[in-house]
């Protein structure tokens, strides 16, 4: 079952997609805007083994949808990125998203994909609070999340959504989208 936005289709990622997803994260021209030196020396680029430890088989095979799932962003028949939800905790989860190339950025693809996945999670699983936690050094991502309906939460409430050990950056922000 695909999730359809206006210009972005989200299709469930399979094990065959895992290597491409890893390459987009770790070896694309977008990687320097998310992790690794010089801008992100505190966010090491993961190895294949570390990536596979974080994104276990259930992210690709529907065996444990409440524990996390990846979806490929498809625009005009071309795979352009990935959005993943992580484990559900009561009515809360968090997301990760990245695109495969700078050429795909700045077109509204990410914000539409996030709106599509958050609406799906709310409708199908009753998820009411969805968090995302970028670095403050990534203003383009923050703008996309705000465009998708996320709001910055204050430091004292951020730990309700993202635990400190689950953060990737020394300057994590927590943005949350809430449903009634």
Foldseek 3Di string as FASTA:
>chain_A
DWQDFPFKIWAFAAPVCLVLQLCLCAPEPCNVLADDPDVHPLFHRDDPVVSCVVCPRCQHDVPCVQAKHKIFIAGPRDGWWIKMWGHDDPQEIEMDIGTRYPVPAPPLSLLRVVLRVVVCCCVPPVRFKYKYKGAPSNVSVVVSPVSNAWDWDDPVCQCVHAPPVRDRGPRITMTMHGDD
